[in-house]
Protein backbone atom coordinates (compact mmCIF):
# COMPACT_ATOMS: atom_id res chain seq x y z
CA MET A 1 -46.19 -13.22 -6.91
CA SER A 2 -43.08 -13.59 -8.87
CA LEU A 3 -43.42 -10.57 -11.10
CA PHE A 4 -43.83 -8.04 -8.28
CA ILE A 5 -40.64 -9.53 -6.68
CA GLY A 6 -39.03 -8.87 -9.88
CA SER A 7 -40.04 -5.81 -10.26
CA LEU A 8 -39.05 -5.16 -6.32
CA ALA A 9 -35.06 -6.68 -7.53
CA PHE A 10 -34.72 -4.58 -11.00
CA GLU A 11 -36.16 -1.54 -10.05
CA GLN A 12 -32.88 0.07 -9.93
CA LEU A 13 -31.59 -0.95 -12.74
CA ASP A 14 -32.32 -0.62 -16.67
CA VAL A 15 -36.30 -1.30 -18.09
CA CYS A 16 -34.47 -3.82 -19.90
CA TYR A 17 -34.35 -6.20 -16.96
CA LEU A 18 -37.76 -5.70 -16.05
CA ASN A 19 -38.69 -7.24 -19.26
CA SER A 20 -36.09 -10.26 -19.32
CA VAL A 21 -38.01 -10.67 -16.12
CA LYS A 22 -41.89 -10.44 -17.09
CA ILE A 23 -40.58 -12.67 -20.48
CA GLY A 24 -39.22 -15.08 -17.93
CA VAL A 25 -41.62 -15.60 -15.73
CA LEU A 26 -44.58 -15.67 -17.91
CA SER A 27 -43.12 -18.08 -20.10
CA GLY A 28 -42.08 -20.00 -17.20
CA SER A 29 -45.42 -20.84 -16.04
CA ILE A 30 -47.12 -20.81 -19.68
CA LEU A 31 -44.55 -23.84 -19.75
CA SER A 32 -45.07 -25.23 -16.46
CA ALA A 33 -49.43 -25.02 -17.05
CA LEU A 34 -48.74 -27.19 -20.22
CA LEU A 35 -46.76 -29.40 -18.69
CA GLY A 36 -49.22 -30.12 -16.42
CA PHE A 37 -51.83 -30.67 -18.87
CA TYR A 38 -49.94 -33.32 -20.61
CA ILE A 39 -49.86 -35.35 -17.40
CA ILE A 40 -53.02 -35.09 -16.36
CA PHE A 41 -54.11 -35.20 -20.20
CA LYS A 42 -52.06 -38.38 -20.35
CA SER A 43 -52.89 -39.60 -17.01
CA THR A 44 -56.57 -40.13 -17.35
CA ILE A 45 -56.06 -41.71 -20.94
CA LYS A 46 -54.16 -44.85 -19.05
CA GLN A 47 -57.44 -45.15 -16.85
CA SER A 48 -60.18 -44.76 -19.16
CA VAL A 49 -57.83 -47.83 -21.61
CA LYS A 50 -57.91 -49.41 -18.56
CA GLU A 51 -61.62 -49.29 -17.94
CA VAL A 52 -62.77 -50.20 -21.27
CA ARG A 53 -60.77 -53.36 -21.57
CA TYR A 54 -61.73 -54.82 -17.70
CA GLU A 55 -65.76 -54.05 -19.13
CA MET A 56 -65.24 -55.47 -22.03
CA ALA A 57 -63.05 -58.96 -19.97
């Protein structure tokens, strides 16, 4: 959806702007996916450590 809106916003301008929109949207999507993966990964590790400590006690 963001690529579509970006293409509509910069359709009258140079192709360089359209390429910048594509790079920005794709890099933002990749960054948010990596950050989400990191947050989920860290939260599941904390839960499994708590479960192991509870089982050992």
